[in-house]
N, C-alpha and C. Protein backbone atom coordinates (compact mmCIF):
# COMPACT_ATOMS: atom_id res chain seq x y z
N MET A 1 -25.87 -22.32 -4.95
CA MET A 1 -25.08 -21.24 -5.78
C MET A 1 -24.78 -22.23 -6.82
N LYS A 2 -24.64 -21.61 -8.31
CA LYS A 2 -24.13 -21.78 -9.25
C LYS A 2 -23.20 -22.63 -9.27
N GLU A 3 -22.75 -23.57 -10.19
CA GLU A 3 -21.22 -24.08 -10.83
C GLU A 3 -20.23 -23.64 -11.25
N ASN A 4 -19.40 -23.56 -11.17
CA ASN A 4 -18.05 -22.86 -12.23
C ASN A 4 -18.47 -21.81 -12.40
N ILE A 5 -18.64 -20.82 -11.78
CA ILE A 5 -19.07 -19.36 -11.77
C ILE A 5 -17.77 -18.88 -10.77
N HIS A 6 -17.65 -19.18 -9.73
CA HIS A 6 -16.79 -18.54 -8.50
C HIS A 6 -15.57 -18.60 -8.65
N PRO A 7 -14.68 -17.83 -8.51
CA PRO A 7 -13.18 -17.76 -8.55
C PRO A 7 -12.70 -18.96 -7.81
N ARG A 8 -11.48 -19.06 -8.20
CA ARG A 8 -10.73 -20.44 -6.97
C ARG A 8 -10.10 -19.27 -5.95
N TYR A 9 -10.17 -19.95 -4.79
CA TYR A 9 -10.23 -19.11 -3.24
C TYR A 9 -8.73 -20.02 -2.61
N PHE A 10 -7.62 -19.12 -2.78
CA PHE A 10 -6.33 -19.86 -1.99
C PHE A 10 -5.98 -19.45 -0.73
N ARG A 11 -5.37 -20.27 0.19
CA ARG A 11 -4.58 -19.53 1.31
C ARG A 11 -2.96 -19.18 0.92
N THR A 12 -3.14 -17.85 0.71
CA THR A 12 -1.58 -17.33 0.11
C THR A 12 -0.84 -16.21 1.22
N LYS A 13 0.39 -16.18 0.38
CA LYS A 13 1.48 -15.90 1.65
C LYS A 13 1.39 -14.23 0.93
N LEU A 14 1.07 -13.07 1.78
CA LEU A 14 1.28 -11.54 1.20
C LEU A 14 2.60 -11.32 2.12
N THR A 15 3.53 -10.85 1.28
CA THR A 15 4.81 -10.01 1.48
C THR A 15 4.41 -8.59 1.32
N CYS A 16 5.08 -7.84 2.48
CA CYS A 16 5.30 -6.31 2.41
C CYS A 16 6.57 -6.15 2.26
N ALA A 17 6.77 -4.60 1.62
CA ALA A 17 8.16 -4.11 1.30
C ALA A 17 9.01 -3.93 2.44
N CYS A 18 8.12 -3.93 3.51
CA CYS A 18 8.74 -3.87 4.83
C CYS A 18 9.48 -5.00 5.23
N GLY A 19 9.03 -6.27 4.97
CA GLY A 19 9.61 -7.37 5.13
C GLY A 19 8.68 -8.29 5.82
N GLU A 20 7.60 -7.80 6.33
CA GLU A 20 6.60 -8.52 6.84
C GLU A 20 5.75 -9.40 6.22
N SER A 21 5.43 -10.71 6.45
CA SER A 21 4.67 -11.49 5.45
C SER A 21 3.96 -12.33 6.53
N PHE A 22 2.52 -12.70 6.08
CA PHE A 22 1.74 -13.22 6.91
C PHE A 22 0.44 -14.06 5.69
N GLU A 23 -0.10 -14.91 5.89
CA GLU A 23 -1.19 -15.58 5.38
C GLU A 23 -2.16 -15.15 5.59
N ILE A 24 -2.77 -15.10 4.34
CA ILE A 24 -4.50 -14.42 4.02
C ILE A 24 -5.19 -15.24 2.86
N GLY A 25 -6.33 -15.13 2.97
CA GLY A 25 -7.27 -15.64 1.79
C GLY A 25 -7.35 -14.93 0.64
N SER A 26 -7.32 -15.28 -0.36
CA SER A 26 -7.52 -14.35 -1.60
C SER A 26 -7.78 -14.99 -2.89
N THR A 27 -7.94 -14.67 -3.66
CA THR A 27 -8.35 -15.24 -4.97
C THR A 27 -6.96 -15.25 -5.92
N ARG A 28 -5.84 -14.73 -5.54
CA ARG A 28 -4.76 -14.52 -6.04
C ARG A 28 -3.84 -15.42 -5.01
N GLU A 29 -2.61 -16.25 -5.99
CA GLU A 29 -1.72 -17.15 -5.05
C GLU A 29 -0.66 -16.42 -3.96
N ASN A 30 0.07 -15.39 -4.80
CA ASN A 30 0.96 -14.78 -4.05
C ASN A 30 1.11 -13.25 -4.13
N LEU A 31 0.92 -12.39 -3.13
CA LEU A 31 0.46 -11.11 -3.22
C LEU A 31 1.85 -10.26 -2.69
N LYS A 32 2.26 -9.52 -3.17
CA LYS A 32 3.40 -8.44 -2.76
C LYS A 32 2.70 -7.20 -2.75
N VAL A 33 2.64 -6.35 -1.54
CA VAL A 33 2.19 -5.00 -1.20
C VAL A 33 3.48 -4.02 -0.54
N GLU A 34 2.91 -2.53 -0.80
CA GLU A 34 4.12 -1.96 -0.72
C GLU A 34 3.91 -1.41 1.04
N ILE A 35 3.10 -1.73 1.29
CA ILE A 35 2.71 -1.08 2.59
C ILE A 35 1.58 -2.26 3.68
N CYS A 36 1.82 -2.17 4.75
CA CYS A 36 0.64 -3.05 5.61
C CYS A 36 0.68 -2.48 6.83
N SER A 37 -0.17 -2.97 7.55
CA SER A 37 -0.73 -2.61 8.91
C SER A 37 0.60 -2.48 9.83
N LYS A 38 1.70 -3.22 9.59
CA LYS A 38 2.91 -3.36 10.48
C LYS A 38 3.66 -1.96 10.28
N CYS A 39 3.47 -1.33 9.20
CA CYS A 39 4.19 -0.14 8.63
C CYS A 39 3.51 1.36 8.60
N HIS A 40 2.41 1.03 8.15
CA HIS A 40 1.45 2.00 8.11
C HIS A 40 1.39 3.15 9.03
N PRO A 41 1.70 4.25 8.70
CA PRO A 41 1.63 5.48 9.68
C PRO A 41 0.22 5.61 10.67
N PHE A 42 -0.82 5.14 10.12
CA PHE A 42 -2.22 5.43 10.71
C PHE A 42 -1.93 4.16 12.18
N PHE A 43 -1.56 3.08 11.69
CA PHE A 43 -1.42 1.99 12.80
C PHE A 43 -0.02 2.32 13.66
N THR A 44 1.12 2.48 12.95
CA THR A 44 2.18 2.89 13.92
C THR A 44 2.44 4.03 14.77
N GLY A 45 1.71 5.05 14.17
CA GLY A 45 1.65 6.29 14.89
C GLY A 45 2.82 7.32 14.81
N LYS A 46 3.86 6.69 13.69
CA LYS A 46 4.89 7.13 13.22
C LYS A 46 4.48 7.73 11.85
N GLN A 47 4.64 9.33 11.62
CA GLN A 47 4.53 10.36 10.20
C GLN A 47 5.50 10.15 9.49
N LYS A 48 5.28 9.48 8.27
CA LYS A 48 6.58 9.57 7.22
C LYS A 48 5.99 10.40 6.06
N PHE A 49 7.00 11.55 5.78
CA PHE A 49 7.31 12.49 4.79
C PHE A 49 7.57 12.13 3.59
N VAL A 50 6.69 12.44 2.78
CA VAL A 50 7.32 11.95 1.34
C VAL A 50 7.74 13.15 0.54
N ASP A 51 8.97 13.41 0.00
CA ASP A 51 9.19 14.71 -0.61
C ASP A 51 8.50 14.59 -1.96
N THR A 52 7.80 15.46 -2.38
CA THR A 52 7.12 15.42 -3.89
C THR A 52 7.77 16.50 -4.60
N GLY A 53 8.91 16.45 -4.65
CA GLY A 53 10.01 17.21 -5.71
C GLY A 53 9.40 18.25 -5.70
N GLY A 54 9.29 19.44 -4.60
CA GLY A 54 9.17 20.74 -4.42
C GLY A 54 7.96 21.35 -5.36
N ARG A 55 6.56 20.92 -5.13
CA ARG A 55 5.63 21.11 -5.50
C ARG A 55 5.02 22.36 -5.03
N VAL A 56 5.19 22.47 -3.64
CA VAL A 56 4.90 23.49 -2.91
C VAL A 56 5.66 24.97 -3.54
N GLU A 57 7.13 24.70 -3.32
CA GLU A 57 7.99 26.06 -4.09
C GLU A 57 7.65 26.34 -5.36
N ARG A 58 7.27 25.35 -6.18
CA ARG A 58 7.21 25.22 -7.49
C ARG A 58 5.70 26.43 -7.48
N PHE A 59 4.66 26.13 -6.95
CA PHE A 59 3.49 26.99 -6.80
C PHE A 59 3.66 28.35 -6.23
N LYS A 60 4.33 28.48 -5.24
CA LYS A 60 4.88 29.57 -4.66
C LYS A 60 5.55 30.39 -5.79
N ARG A 61 6.48 29.99 -6.30
CA ARG A 61 7.15 30.66 -7.47
C ARG A 61 6.17 31.04 -8.55
N LYS A 62 5.48 30.03 -8.91
CA LYS A 62 4.69 30.13 -10.30
C LYS A 62 3.48 31.73 -9.90
N TYR A 63 3.04 31.90 -8.75
CA TYR A 63 2.08 32.71 -8.30
C TYR A 63 2.42 33.93 -7.67
N GLY A 64 4.05 34.04 -7.49
CA GLY A 64 4.45 35.07 -6.91
C GLY A 64 4.47 35.15 -5.64
N LEU A 65 4.10 33.98 -4.67
CA LEU A 65 3.90 33.81 -3.16
C LEU A 65 5.29 34.24 -2.30
N GLU A 66 6.36 34.07 -2.75
CA GLU A 66 7.26 34.18 -1.96
C GLU A 66 7.81 35.33 -1.40
């Protein structure tokens, strides 16, 4: 391998918005994420609904489908 072309690799602490934190390897020192495997619906089996501000209702109103 060539010298001085590869990024530095750190043992870093990853922190999720849910409060979970764990150590990973990364080229960045401290990472903060919004969702991790502890709180992601795919892994937990719990469905989270996010209100998108009435997009469906606005679509129905726009095209007279109500």
